[in-house]
Amino acid sequence: MAYVDGFVVAVPTANLEQYKQLATHACNVWIEHGALSYVEAYADDVPYGELTSFPRAVQAKDDETVIFAWITYSSRESRDEINQRVMGDERMKSEAWKGVFDAQRMIYGGLKTFVEA
């Protein structure tokens, strides 16, 4: 079964096009280094919940768009190796990400899959 890195982040809607360009660049780097897939999606039908929701989770403001993303790998070991290479890749050492979104409100983590089709 695959291993997954998952992310949820709030991006100022004014920065969405810049974020999309940076995400496309990141996708190419991750895939080049061996990730099985890379997906970034922006909120289309994610209401602000009474207790929990994607917008609540990242404290999204009215002028922000929620992004839900995931990267898949063949295993945890593969993910650790790929992420080490990605983080050492000069193409990822850019100031371009700075100010595009508030990384302190990002939710992320590695997840073991248990159902796959």
PDB file of N, CA and C in Angstrom:
ATOM      1  N   MET A   1       0.825  -1.182   0.000  1.00  0.00           N
ATOM      2  CA  MET A   1       0.000   0.000   0.000  1.00  0.00           C
ATOM      3  C   MET A   1       0.873   1.250   0.000  1.00  0.00           C
ATOM      4  N   ALA A   2       0.353   2.285  -0.611  1.00  0.00           N
ATOM      5  CA  ALA A   2       1.087   3.544  -0.741  1.00  0.00           C
ATOM      6  C   ALA A   2       1.187   4.274   0.592  1.00  0.00           C
ATOM      7  N   TYR A   3       2.109   5.208   0.649  1.00  0.00           N
ATOM      8  CA  TYR A   3       2.254   6.119   1.772  1.00  0.00           C
ATOM      9  C   TYR A   3       1.881   7.505   1.256  1.00  0.00           C
ATOM     10  N   VAL A   4       1.233   8.321   2.091  1.00  0.00           N
ATOM     11  CA  VAL A   4       0.710   9.610   1.643  1.00  0.00           C
ATOM     12  C   VAL A   4       1.179  10.726   2.555  1.00  0.00           C
ATOM     13  N   ASP A   5       1.603  11.830   1.966  1.00  0.00           N
ATOM     14  CA  ASP A   5       1.773  13.088   2.694  1.00  0.00           C
ATOM     15  C   ASP A   5       0.550  13.918   2.359  1.00  0.00           C
ATOM     16  N   GLY A   6      -0.147  14.426   3.379  1.00  0.00           N
ATOM     17  CA  GLY A   6      -1.332  15.245   3.158  1.00  0.00           C
ATOM     18  C   GLY A   6      -1.140  16.648   3.696  1.00  0.00           C
ATOM     19  N   PHE A   7      -1.783  17.616   3.047  1.00  0.00           N
ATOM     20  CA  PHE A   7      -1.644  19.026   3.414  1.00  0.00           C
ATOM     21  C   PHE A   7      -2.980  19.747   3.284  1.00  0.00           C
ATOM     22  N   VAL A   8      -3.243  20.678   4.180  1.00  0.00           N
ATOM     23  CA  VAL A   8      -4.344  21.621   4.038  1.00  0.00           C
ATOM     24  C   VAL A   8      -3.766  22.987   4.389  1.00  0.00           C
ATOM     25  N   VAL A   9      -4.027  23.974   3.529  1.00  0.00           N
ATOM     26  CA  VAL A   9      -3.471  25.309   3.734  1.00  0.00           C
ATOM     27  C   VAL A   9      -4.457  26.353   3.215  1.00  0.00           C
ATOM     28  N   ALA A  10      -4.442  27.526   3.816  1.00  0.00           N
ATOM     29  CA  ALA A  10      -5.252  28.652   3.347  1.00  0.00           C
ATOM     30  C   ALA A  10      -4.350  29.593   2.559  1.00  0.00           C
ATOM     31  N   VAL A  11      -4.775  29.912   1.347  1.00  0.00           N
ATOM     32  CA  VAL A  11      -4.009  30.807   0.475  1.00  0.00           C
ATOM     33  C   VAL A  11      -4.844  32.058   0.202  1.00  0.00           C
ATOM     34  N   PRO A  12      -4.283  33.243   0.403  1.00  0.00           N
ATOM     35  CA  PRO A  12      -5.046  34.429   0.031  1.00  0.00           C
ATOM     36  C   PRO A  12      -5.493  34.301  -1.434  1.00  0.00           C
ATOM     37  N   THR A  13      -6.760  34.522  -1.681  1.00  0.00           N
ATOM     38  CA  THR A  13      -7.299  34.359  -3.023  1.00  0.00           C
ATOM     39  C   THR A  13      -6.542  35.224  -4.021  1.00  0.00           C
ATOM     40  N   ALA A  14      -6.057  36.367  -3.596  1.00  0.00           N
ATOM     41  CA  ALA A  14      -5.267  37.242  -4.471  1.00  0.00           C
ATOM     42  C   ALA A  14      -3.963  36.572  -4.905  1.00  0.00           C
ATOM     43  N   ASN A  15      -3.481  35.587  -4.139  1.00  0.00           N
ATOM     44  CA  ASN A  15      -2.222  34.890  -4.450  1.00  0.00           C
ATOM     45  C   ASN A  15      -2.448  33.536  -5.121  1.00  0.00           C
ATOM     46  N   LEU A  16      -3.694  33.191  -5.421  1.00  0.00           N
ATOM     47  CA  LEU A  16      -4.001  31.849  -5.898  1.00  0.00           C
ATOM     48  C   LEU A  16      -3.271  31.490  -7.186  1.00  0.00           C
ATOM     49  N   GLU A  17      -3.204  32.392  -8.142  1.00  0.00           N
ATOM     50  CA  GLU A  17      -2.517  32.087  -9.399  1.00  0.00           C
ATOM     51  C   GLU A  17      -1.022  31.883  -9.172  1.00  0.00           C
ATOM     52  N   GLN A  18      -0.421  32.695  -8.321  1.00  0.00           N
ATOM     53  CA  GLN A  18       0.997  32.528  -7.977  1.00  0.00           C
ATOM     54  C   GLN A  18       1.204  31.185  -7.276  1.00  0.00           C
ATOM     55  N   TYR A  19       0.291  30.831  -6.359  1.00  0.00           N
ATOM     56  CA  TYR A  19       0.384  29.549  -5.671  1.00  0.00           C
ATOM     57  C   TYR A  19       0.293  28.396  -6.666  1.00  0.00           C
ATOM     58  N   LYS A  20      -0.621  28.477  -7.618  1.00  0.00           N
ATOM     59  CA  LYS A  20      -0.781  27.420  -8.623  1.00  0.00           C
ATOM     60  C   LYS A  20       0.510  27.226  -9.425  1.00  0.00           C
ATOM     61  N   GLN A  21       1.173  28.314  -9.782  1.00  0.00           N
ATOM     62  CA  GLN A  21       2.439  28.214 -10.514  1.00  0.00           C
ATOM     63  C   GLN A  21       3.507  27.540  -9.667  1.00  0.00           C
ATOM     64  N   LEU A  22       3.592  27.923  -8.411  1.00  0.00           N
ATOM     65  CA  LEU A  22       4.578  27.322  -7.516  1.00  0.00           C
ATOM     66  C   LEU A  22       4.260  25.847  -7.273  1.00  0.00           C
ATOM     67  N   ALA A  23       2.981  25.516  -7.129  1.00  0.00           N
ATOM     68  CA  ALA A  23       2.579  24.120  -6.910  1.00  0.00           C
ATOM     69  C   ALA A  23       2.915  23.268  -8.131  1.00  0.00           C
ATOM     70  N   THR A  24       2.728  23.806  -9.318  1.00  0.00           N
ATOM     71  CA  THR A  24       3.076  23.077 -10.542  1.00  0.00           C
ATOM     72  C   THR A  24       4.577  22.810 -10.580  1.00  0.00           C
ATOM     73  N   HIS A  25       5.363  23.794 -10.199  1.00  0.00           N
ATOM     74  CA  HIS A  25       6.819  23.640 -10.124  1.00  0.00           C
ATOM     75  C   HIS A  25       7.182  22.552  -9.104  1.00  0.00           C
ATOM     76  N   ALA A  26       6.574  22.614  -7.909  1.00  0.00           N
ATOM     77  CA  ALA A  26       6.844  21.621  -6.863  1.00  0.00           C
ATOM     78  C   ALA A  26       6.445  20.225  -7.335  1.00  0.00           C
ATOM     79  N   CYS A  27       5.314  20.123  -8.006  1.00  0.00           N
ATOM     80  CA  CYS A  27       4.851  18.835  -8.535  1.00  0.00           C
ATOM     81  C   CYS A  27       5.913  18.217  -9.431  1.00  0.00           C
ATOM     82  N   ASN A  28       6.449  19.009 -10.342  1.00  0.00           N
ATOM     83  CA  ASN A  28       7.468  18.505 -11.267  1.00  0.00           C
ATOM     84  C   ASN A  28       8.698  18.000 -10.526  1.00  0.00           C
ATOM     85  N   VAL A  29       9.106  18.721  -9.487  1.00  0.00           N
ATOM     86  CA  VAL A  29      10.286  18.319  -8.705  1.00  0.00           C
ATOM     87  C   VAL A  29      10.008  17.015  -7.966  1.00  0.00           C
ATOM     88  N   TRP A  30       8.852  16.914  -7.284  1.00  0.00           N
ATOM     89  CA  TRP A  30       8.536  15.689  -6.539  1.00  0.00           C
ATOM     90  C   TRP A  30       8.451  14.481  -7.463  1.00  0.00           C
ATOM     91  N   ILE A  31       7.786  14.631  -8.587  1.00  0.00           N
ATOM     92  CA  ILE A  31       7.651  13.515  -9.527  1.00  0.00           C
ATOM     93  C   ILE A  31       9.021  13.113 -10.076  1.00  0.00           C
ATOM     94  N   GLU A  32       9.838  14.096 -10.396  1.00  0.00           N
ATOM     95  CA  GLU A  32      11.182  13.814 -10.897  1.00  0.00           C
ATOM     96  C   GLU A  32      11.999  13.013  -9.886  1.00  0.00           C
ATOM     97  N   HIS A  33      11.769  13.287  -8.590  1.00  0.00           N
ATOM     98  CA  HIS A  33      12.517  12.592  -7.542  1.00  0.00           C
ATOM     99  C   HIS A  33      11.878  11.274  -7.122  1.00  0.00           C
ATOM    100  N   GLY A  34      10.744  10.893  -7.736  1.00  0.00           N
ATOM    101  CA  GLY A  34      10.201   9.564  -7.496  1.00  0.00           C
ATOM    102  C   GLY A  34       8.830   9.454  -6.865  1.00  0.00           C
ATOM    103  N   ALA A  35       8.161  10.563  -6.558  1.00  0.00           N
ATOM    104  CA  ALA A  35       6.803  10.466  -6.020  1.00  0.00           C
ATOM    105  C   ALA A  35       5.906   9.798  -7.052  1.00  0.00           C
ATOM    106  N   LEU A  36       4.952   8.998  -6.597  1.00  0.00           N
ATOM    107  CA  LEU A  36       4.037   8.312  -7.502  1.00  0.00           C
ATOM    108  C   LEU A  36       2.983   9.257  -8.067  1.00  0.00           C
ATOM    109  N   SER A  37       2.496  10.176  -7.234  1.00  0.00           N
ATOM    110  CA  SER A  37       1.523  11.162  -7.697  1.00  0.00           C
ATOM    111  C   SER A  37       1.605  12.392  -6.821  1.00  0.00           C
ATOM    112  N   TYR A  38       1.092  13.493  -7.357  1.00  0.00           N
ATOM    113  CA  TYR A  38       1.103  14.778  -6.652  1.00  0.00           C
ATOM    114  C   TYR A  38      -0.180  15.490  -7.054  1.00  0.00           C
ATOM    115  N   VAL A  39      -1.012  15.835  -6.070  1.00  0.00           N
ATOM    116  CA  VAL A  39      -2.301  16.470  -6.357  1.00  0.00           C
ATOM    117  C   VAL A  39      -2.481  17.691  -5.462  1.00  0.00           C
ATOM    118  N   GLU A  40      -2.902  18.797  -6.055  1.00  0.00           N
ATOM    119  CA  GLU A  40      -3.289  19.995  -5.305  1.00  0.00           C
ATOM    120  C   GLU A  40      -4.664  20.392  -5.811  1.00  0.00           C
ATOM    121  N   ALA A  41      -5.585  20.653  -4.895  1.00  0.00           N
ATOM    122  CA  ALA A  41      -6.949  21.023  -5.265  1.00  0.00           C
ATOM    123  C   ALA A  41      -7.394  22.209  -4.415  1.00  0.00           C
ATOM    124  N   TYR A  42      -8.179  23.107  -5.031  1.00  0.00           N
ATOM    125  CA  TYR A  42      -8.667  24.237  -4.253  1.00  0.00           C
ATOM    126  C   TYR A  42     -10.151  24.061  -3.943  1.00  0.00           C
ATOM    127  N   ALA A  43     -10.581  24.684  -2.857  1.00  0.00           N
ATOM    128  CA  ALA A  43     -11.937  24.518  -2.340  1.00  0.00           C
ATOM    129  C   ALA A  43     -12.981  24.948  -3.359  1.00  0.00           C
ATOM    130  N   ASP A  44     -13.971  24.088  -3.522  1.00  0.00           N
ATOM    131  CA  ASP A  44     -15.101  24.380  -4.395  1.00  0.00           C
ATOM    132  C   ASP A  44     -16.409  24.232  -3.625  1.00  0.00           C
ATOM    133  N   ASP A  45     -16.487  23.243  -2.759  1.00  0.00           N
ATOM    134  CA  ASP A  45     -17.689  22.982  -1.977  1.00  0.00           C
ATOM    135  C   ASP A  45     -17.270  22.576  -0.575  1.00  0.00           C
ATOM    136  N   VAL A  46     -16.735  23.526   0.175  1.00  0.00           N
ATOM    137  CA  VAL A  46     -16.256  23.267   1.535  1.00  0.00           C
ATOM    138  C   VAL A  46     -16.824  24.322   2.484  1.00  0.00           C
ATOM    139  N   PRO A  47     -18.046  24.087   2.951  1.00  0.00           N
ATOM    140  CA  PRO A  47     -18.689  25.064   3.836  1.00  0.00           C
ATOM    141  C   PRO A  47     -17.950  25.211   5.156  1.00  0.00           C
ATOM    142  N   TYR A  48     -18.107  26.369   5.741  1.00  0.00           N
ATOM    143  CA  TYR A  48     -17.546  26.649   7.054  1.00  0.00           C
ATOM    144  C   TYR A  48     -18.420  25.950   8.083  1.00  0.00           C
ATOM    145  N   GLY A  49     -17.909  24.923   8.711  1.00  0.00           N
ATOM    146  CA  GLY A  49     -18.693  24.095   9.619  1.00  0.00           C
ATOM    147  C   GLY A  49     -18.919  24.727  10.975  1.00  0.00           C
ATOM    148  N   GLU A  50     -19.928  24.211  11.658  1.00  0.00           N
ATOM    149  CA  GLU A  50     -20.238  24.674  13.023  1.00  0.00           C
ATOM    150  C   GLU A  50     -19.103  24.348  13.989  1.00  0.00           C
ATOM    151  N   LEU A  51     -18.581  23.113  13.897  1.00  0.00           N
ATOM    152  CA  LEU A  51     -17.514  22.683  14.797  1.00  0.00           C
ATOM    153  C   LEU A  51     -16.207  22.420  14.072  1.00  0.00           C
ATOM    154  N   THR A  52     -16.292  21.720  12.934  1.00  0.00           N
ATOM    155  CA  THR A  52     -15.093  21.380  12.183  1.00  0.00           C
ATOM    156  C   THR A  52     -15.336  21.568  10.693  1.00  0.00           C
ATOM    157  N   SER A  53     -14.273  21.831   9.971  1.00  0.00           N
ATOM    158  CA  SER A  53     -14.328  21.958   8.516  1.00  0.00           C
ATOM    159  C   SER A  53     -12.916  22.277   8.036  1.00  0.00           C
ATOM    160  N   PHE A  54     -12.710  22.151   6.725  1.00  0.00           N
ATOM    161  CA  PHE A  54     -11.414  22.535   6.178  1.00  0.00           C
ATOM    162  C   PHE A  54     -11.114  24.013   6.479  1.00  0.00           C
ATOM    163  N   PRO A  55     -12.041  24.940   6.230  1.00  0.00           N
ATOM    164  CA  PRO A  55     -11.723  26.341   6.537  1.00  0.00           C
ATOM    165  C   PRO A  55     -11.405  26.578   8.010  1.00  0.00           C
ATOM    166  N   ARG A  56     -12.166  25.952   8.907  1.00  0.00           N
ATOM    167  CA  ARG A  56     -11.887  26.111  10.345  1.00  0.00           C
ATOM    168  C   ARG A  56     -10.511  25.557  10.707  1.00  0.00           C
ATOM    169  N   ALA A  57     -10.165  24.424  10.113  1.00  0.00           N
ATOM    170  CA  ALA A  57      -8.904  23.762  10.457  1.00  0.00           C
ATOM    171  C   ALA A  57      -7.700  24.657  10.221  1.00  0.00           C
ATOM    172  N   VAL A  58      -7.756  25.482   9.181  1.00  0.00           N
ATOM    173  CA  VAL A  58      -6.619  26.355   8.852  1.00  0.00           C
ATOM    174  C   VAL A  58      -6.922  27.820   9.135  1.00  0.00           C
ATOM    175  N   GLN A  59      -8.009  28.056   9.877  1.00  0.00           N
ATOM    176  CA  GLN A  59      -8.415  29.419  10.243  1.00  0.00           C
ATOM    177  C   GLN A  59      -8.513  30.318   9.011  1.00  0.00           C
ATOM    178  N   ALA A  60      -9.136  29.782   7.948  1.00  0.00           N
ATOM    179  CA  ALA A  60      -9.262  30.536   6.696  1.00  0.00           C
ATOM    180  C   ALA A  60     -10.088  31.797   6.898  1.00  0.00           C
ATOM    181  N   LYS A  61      -9.614  32.872   6.298  1.00  0.00           N
ATOM    182  CA  LYS A  61     -10.321  34.151   6.337  1.00  0.00           C
ATOM    183  C   LYS A  61     -11.222  34.256   5.102  1.00  0.00           C
ATOM    184  N   ASP A  62     -12.095  35.237   5.099  1.00  0.00           N
ATOM    185  CA  ASP A  62     -13.034  35.408   3.989  1.00  0.00           C
ATOM    186  C   ASP A  62     -12.339  35.601   2.647  1.00  0.00           C
ATOM    187  N   ASP A  63     -11.152  36.165   2.661  1.00  0.00           N
ATOM    188  CA  ASP A  63     -10.436  36.439   1.406  1.00  0.00           C
ATOM    189  C   ASP A  63      -9.379  35.373   1.096  1.00  0.00           C
ATOM    190  N   GLU A  64      -9.561  34.166   1.655  1.00  0.00           N
ATOM    191  CA  GLU A  64      -8.621  33.067   1.425  1.00  0.00           C
ATOM    192  C   GLU A  64      -9.332  31.860   0.823  1.00  0.00           C
ATOM    193  N   THR A  65      -8.569  31.071   0.090  1.00  0.00           N
ATOM    194  CA  THR A  65      -9.047  29.838  -0.521  1.00  0.00           C
ATOM    195  C   THR A  65      -8.321  28.673   0.128  1.00  0.00           C
ATOM    196  N   VAL A  66      -9.056  27.633   0.484  1.00  0.00           N
ATOM    197  CA  VAL A  66      -8.461  26.456   1.101  1.00  0.00           C
ATOM    198  C   VAL A  66      -7.918  25.531   0.009  1.00  0.00           C
ATOM    199  N   ILE A  67      -6.696  25.050   0.227  1.00  0.00           N
ATOM    200  CA  ILE A  67      -6.045  24.085  -0.658  1.00  0.00           C
ATOM    201  C   ILE A  67      -5.932  22.764   0.093  1.00  0.00           C
ATOM    202  N   PHE A  68      -6.290  21.680  -0.578  1.00  0.00           N
ATOM    203  CA  PHE A  68      -6.142  20.323  -0.045  1.00  0.00           C
ATOM    204  C   PHE A  68      -5.217  19.603  -1.013  1.00  0.00           C
ATOM    205  N   ALA A  69      -4.144  19.023  -0.505  1.00  0.00           N
ATOM    206  CA  ALA A  69      -3.133  18.429  -1.381  1.00  0.00           C
ATOM    207  C   ALA A  69      -2.602  17.134  -0.789  1.00  0.00           C
ATOM    208  N   TRP A  70      -2.103  16.267  -1.693  1.00  0.00           N
ATOM    209  CA  TRP A  70      -1.468  15.045  -1.234  1.00  0.00           C
ATOM    210  C   TRP A  70      -0.449  14.560  -2.253  1.00  0.00           C
ATOM    211  N   ILE A  71       0.550  13.880  -1.730  1.00  0.00           N
ATOM    212  CA  ILE A  71       1.609  13.282  -2.534  1.00  0.00           C
ATOM    213  C   ILE A  71       1.667  11.816  -2.137  1.00  0.00           C
ATOM    214  N   THR A  72       1.754  10.913  -3.122  1.00  0.00           N
ATOM    215  CA  THR A  72       1.832   9.489  -2.788  1.00  0.00           C
ATOM    216  C   THR A  72       3.207   8.931  -3.121  1.00  0.00           C
ATOM    217  N   TYR A  73       3.578   7.940  -2.332  1.00  0.00           N
ATOM    218  CA  TYR A  73       4.863   7.268  -2.452  1.00  0.00           C
ATOM    219  C   TYR A  73       4.642   5.761  -2.331  1.00  0.00           C
ATOM    220  N   SER A  74       5.609   4.982  -2.720  1.00  0.00           N
ATOM    221  CA  SER A  74       5.465   3.530  -2.616  1.00  0.00           C
ATOM    222  C   SER A  74       5.565   3.039  -1.174  1.00  0.00           C
ATOM    223  N   SER A  75       6.239   3.814  -0.309  1.00  0.00           N
ATOM    224  CA  SER A  75       6.418   3.407   1.090  1.00  0.00           C
ATOM    225  C   SER A  75       6.872   4.599   1.922  1.00  0.00           C
ATOM    226  N   ARG A  76       6.864   4.440   3.219  1.00  0.00           N
ATOM    227  CA  ARG A  76       7.376   5.485   4.118  1.00  0.00           C
ATOM    228  C   ARG A  76       8.859   5.727   3.857  1.00  0.00           C
ATOM    229  N   GLU A  77       9.596   4.638   3.666  1.00  0.00           N
ATOM    230  CA  GLU A  77      11.030   4.761   3.408  1.00  0.00           C
ATOM    231  C   GLU A  77      11.278   5.545   2.121  1.00  0.00           C
ATOM    232  N   SER A  78      10.509   5.229   1.094  1.00  0.00           N
ATOM    233  CA  SER A  78      10.625   5.941  -0.177  1.00  0.00           C
ATOM    234  C   SER A  78      10.293   7.417   0.018  1.00  0.00           C
ATOM    235  N   ARG A  79       9.241   7.697   0.771  1.00  0.00           N
ATOM    236  CA  ARG A  79       8.855   9.082   1.034  1.00  0.00           C
ATOM    237  C   ARG A  79       9.975   9.848   1.724  1.00  0.00           C
ATOM    238  N   ASP A  80      10.592   9.221   2.741  1.00  0.00           N
ATOM    239  CA  ASP A  80      11.670   9.894   3.465  1.00  0.00           C
ATOM    240  C   ASP A  80      12.847  10.197   2.543  1.00  0.00           C
ATOM    241  N   GLU A  81      13.208   9.247   1.683  1.00  0.00           N
ATOM    242  CA  GLU A  81      14.318   9.451   0.738  1.00  0.00           C
ATOM    243  C   GLU A  81      13.981  10.534  -0.283  1.00  0.00           C
ATOM    244  N   ILE A  82      12.781  10.472  -0.839  1.00  0.00           N
ATOM    245  CA  ILE A  82      12.363  11.453  -1.850  1.00  0.00           C
ATOM    246  C   ILE A  82      12.307  12.850  -1.245  1.00  0.00           C
ATOM    247  N   ASN A  83      11.701  12.987  -0.067  1.00  0.00           N
ATOM    248  CA  ASN A  83      11.610  14.304   0.557  1.00  0.00           C
ATOM    249  C   ASN A  83      12.982  14.877   0.882  1.00  0.00           C
ATOM    250  N   GLN A  84      13.920  14.023   1.263  1.00  0.00           N
ATOM    251  CA  GLN A  84      15.282  14.493   1.527  1.00  0.00           C
ATOM    252  C   GLN A  84      15.898  15.049   0.238  1.00  0.00           C
ATOM    253  N   ARG A  85      15.698  14.347  -0.865  1.00  0.00           N
ATOM    254  CA  ARG A  85      16.231  14.825  -2.147  1.00  0.00           C
ATOM    255  C   ARG A  85      15.531  16.115  -2.588  1.00  0.00           C
ATOM    256  N   VAL A  86      14.215  16.174  -2.416  1.00  0.00           N
ATOM    257  CA  VAL A  86      13.464  17.370  -2.805  1.00  0.00           C
ATOM    258  C   VAL A  86      13.937  18.576  -1.999  1.00  0.00           C
ATOM    259  N   MET A  87      14.077  18.407  -0.695  1.00  0.00           N
ATOM    260  CA  MET A  87      14.488  19.529   0.153  1.00  0.00           C
ATOM    261  C   MET A  87      15.923  19.972  -0.139  1.00  0.00           C
ATOM    262  N   GLY A  88      16.740  19.082  -0.691  1.00  0.00           N
ATOM    263  CA  GLY A  88      18.106  19.432  -1.076  1.00  0.00           C
ATOM    264  C   GLY A  88      18.212  19.950  -2.502  1.00  0.00           C
ATOM    265  N   ASP A  89      17.136  19.891  -3.240  1.00  0.00           N
ATOM    266  CA  ASP A  89      17.126  20.326  -4.638  1.00  0.00           C
ATOM    267  C   ASP A  89      17.155  21.851  -4.697  1.00  0.00           C
ATOM    268  N   GLU A  90      18.107  22.393  -5.421  1.00  0.00           N
ATOM    269  CA  GLU A  90      18.264  23.850  -5.528  1.00  0.00           C
ATOM    270  C   GLU A  90      17.002  24.535  -6.041  1.00  0.00           C
ATOM    271  N   ARG A  91      16.213  23.842  -6.858  1.00  0.00           N
ATOM    272  CA  ARG A  91      14.991  24.445  -7.409  1.00  0.00           C
ATOM    273  C   ARG A  91      13.939  24.698  -6.343  1.00  0.00           C
ATOM    274  N   MET A  92      14.076  24.054  -5.193  1.00  0.00           N
ATOM    275  CA  MET A  92      13.116  24.250  -4.105  1.00  0.00           C
ATOM    276  C   MET A  92      13.602  25.273  -3.087  1.00  0.00           C
ATOM    277  N   LYS A  93      14.814  25.762  -3.249  1.00  0.00           N
ATOM    278  CA  LYS A  93      15.385  26.734  -2.314  1.00  0.00           C
ATOM    279  C   LYS A  93      15.140  28.148  -2.820  1.00  0.00           C
ATOM    280  N   SER A  94      13.895  28.453  -3.041  1.00  0.00           N
ATOM    281  CA  SER A  94      13.503  29.733  -3.605  1.00  0.00           C
ATOM    282  C   SER A  94      12.750  30.558  -2.576  1.00  0.00           C
ATOM    283  N   GLU A  95      12.885  31.838  -2.681  1.00  0.00           N
ATOM    284  CA  GLU A  95      12.124  32.753  -1.831  1.00  0.00           C
ATOM    285  C   GLU A  95      10.734  32.986  -2.412  1.00  0.00           C
ATOM    286  N   ALA A  96      10.437  32.358  -3.561  1.00  0.00           N
ATOM    287  CA  ALA A  96       9.170  32.579  -4.250  1.00  0.00           C
ATOM    288  C   ALA A  96       7.961  32.208  -3.386  1.00  0.00           C
ATOM    289  N   TRP A  97       8.121  31.211  -2.492  1.00  0.00           N
ATOM    290  CA  TRP A  97       7.009  30.782  -1.644  1.00  0.00           C
ATOM    291  C   TRP A  97       6.722  31.787  -0.525  1.00  0.00           C
ATOM    292  N   LYS A  98       7.723  32.575  -0.173  1.00  0.00           N
ATOM    293  CA  LYS A  98       7.605  33.478   0.967  1.00  0.00           C
ATOM    294  C   LYS A  98       6.464  34.479   0.753  1.00  0.00           C
ATOM    295  N   GLY A  99       5.552  34.519   1.693  1.00  0.00           N
ATOM    296  CA  GLY A  99       4.450  35.466   1.643  1.00  0.00           C
ATOM    297  C   GLY A  99       3.259  35.026   0.798  1.00  0.00           C
ATOM    298  N   VAL A 100       3.368  33.872   0.122  1.00  0.00           N
ATOM    299  CA  VAL A 100       2.260  33.406  -0.717  1.00  0.00           C
ATOM    300  C   VAL A 100       1.131  32.869   0.161  1.00  0.00           C
ATOM    301  N   PHE A 101       1.468  32.252   1.286  1.00  0.00           N
ATOM    302  CA  PHE A 101       0.486  31.765   2.254  1.00  0.00           C
ATOM    303  C   PHE A 101       1.145  31.716   3.622  1.00  0.00           C
ATOM    304  N   ASP A 102       0.324  31.577   4.653  1.00  0.00           N
ATOM    305  CA  ASP A 102       0.812  31.526   6.029  1.00  0.00           C
ATOM    306  C   ASP A 102       1.096  30.068   6.399  1.00  0.00           C
ATOM    307  N   ALA A 103       2.352  29.678   6.328  1.00  0.00           N
ATOM    308  CA  ALA A 103       2.749  28.289   6.592  1.00  0.00           C
ATOM    309  C   ALA A 103       2.461  27.863   8.036  1.00  0.00           C
ATOM    310  N   GLN A 104       2.324  28.809   8.950  1.00  0.00           N
ATOM    311  CA  GLN A 104       2.036  28.459  10.343  1.00  0.00           C
ATOM    312  C   GLN A 104       0.644  27.864  10.507  1.00  0.00           C
ATOM    313  N   ARG A 105      -0.248  28.112   9.543  1.00  0.00           N
ATOM    314  CA  ARG A 105      -1.602  27.557   9.619  1.00  0.00           C
ATOM    315  C   ARG A 105      -1.757  26.304   8.765  1.00  0.00           C
ATOM    316  N   MET A 106      -0.670  25.826   8.186  1.00  0.00           N
ATOM    317  CA  MET A 106      -0.717  24.609   7.374  1.00  0.00           C
ATOM    318  C   MET A 106      -0.868  23.390   8.274  1.00  0.00           C
ATOM    319  N   ILE A 107      -1.724  22.466   7.832  1.00  0.00           N
ATOM    320  CA  ILE A 107      -1.853  21.175   8.495  1.00  0.00           C
ATOM    321  C   ILE A 107      -1.206  20.160   7.558  1.00  0.00           C
ATOM    322  N   TYR A 108      -0.342  19.314   8.087  1.00  0.00           N
ATOM    323  CA  TYR A 108       0.324  18.336   7.224  1.00  0.00           C
ATOM    324  C   TYR A 108       0.722  17.113   8.033  1.00  0.00           C
ATOM    325  N   GLY A 109       0.968  16.035   7.326  1.00  0.00           N
ATOM    326  CA  GLY A 109       1.436  14.842   7.995  1.00  0.00           C
ATOM    327  C   GLY A 109       1.528  13.672   7.054  1.00  0.00           C
ATOM    328  N   GLY A 110       2.244  12.636   7.492  1.00  0.00           N
ATOM    329  CA  GLY A 110       2.392  11.401   6.735  1.00  0.00           C
ATOM    330  C   GLY A 110       1.359  10.387   7.198  1.00  0.00           C
ATOM    331  N   LEU A 111       0.776   9.680   6.241  1.00  0.00           N
ATOM    332  CA  LEU A 111      -0.324   8.766   6.537  1.00  0.00           C
ATOM    333  C   LEU A 111      -0.121   7.422   5.864  1.00  0.00           C
ATOM    334  N   LYS A 112      -0.401   6.363   6.615  1.00  0.00           N
ATOM    335  CA  LYS A 112      -0.365   5.004   6.058  1.00  0.00           C
ATOM    336  C   LYS A 112      -1.720   4.692   5.445  1.00  0.00           C
ATOM    337  N   THR A 113      -1.742   4.237   4.212  1.00  0.00           N
ATOM    338  CA  THR A 113      -3.008   3.877   3.584  1.00  0.00           C
ATOM    339  C   THR A 113      -3.459   2.507   4.085  1.00  0.00           C
ATOM    340  N   PHE A 114      -4.775   2.299   4.129  1.00  0.00           N
ATOM    341  CA  PHE A 114      -5.307   0.979   4.491  1.00  0.00           C
ATOM    342  C   PHE A 114      -6.404   0.524   3.536  1.00  0.00           C
ATOM    343  N   VAL A 115      -6.884   1.417   2.658  1.00  0.00           N
ATOM    344  CA  VAL A 115      -7.796   1.050   1.589  1.00  0.00           C
ATOM    345  C   VAL A 115      -7.323   1.773   0.343  1.00  0.00           C
ATOM    346  N   GLU A 116      -7.197   1.036  -0.742  1.00  0.00           N
ATOM    347  CA  GLU A 116      -6.759   1.605  -2.002  1.00  0.00           C
ATOM    348  C   GLU A 116      -7.474   0.885  -3.135  1.00  0.00           C
ATOM    349  N   ALA A 117      -7.861   1.624  -4.150  1.00  0.00           N
ATOM    350  CA  ALA A 117      -8.475   0.990  -5.312  1.00  0.00           C
ATOM    351  C   ALA A 117      -7.875   1.552  -6.576  1.00  0.00           C
TER     352      ALA A 117
END
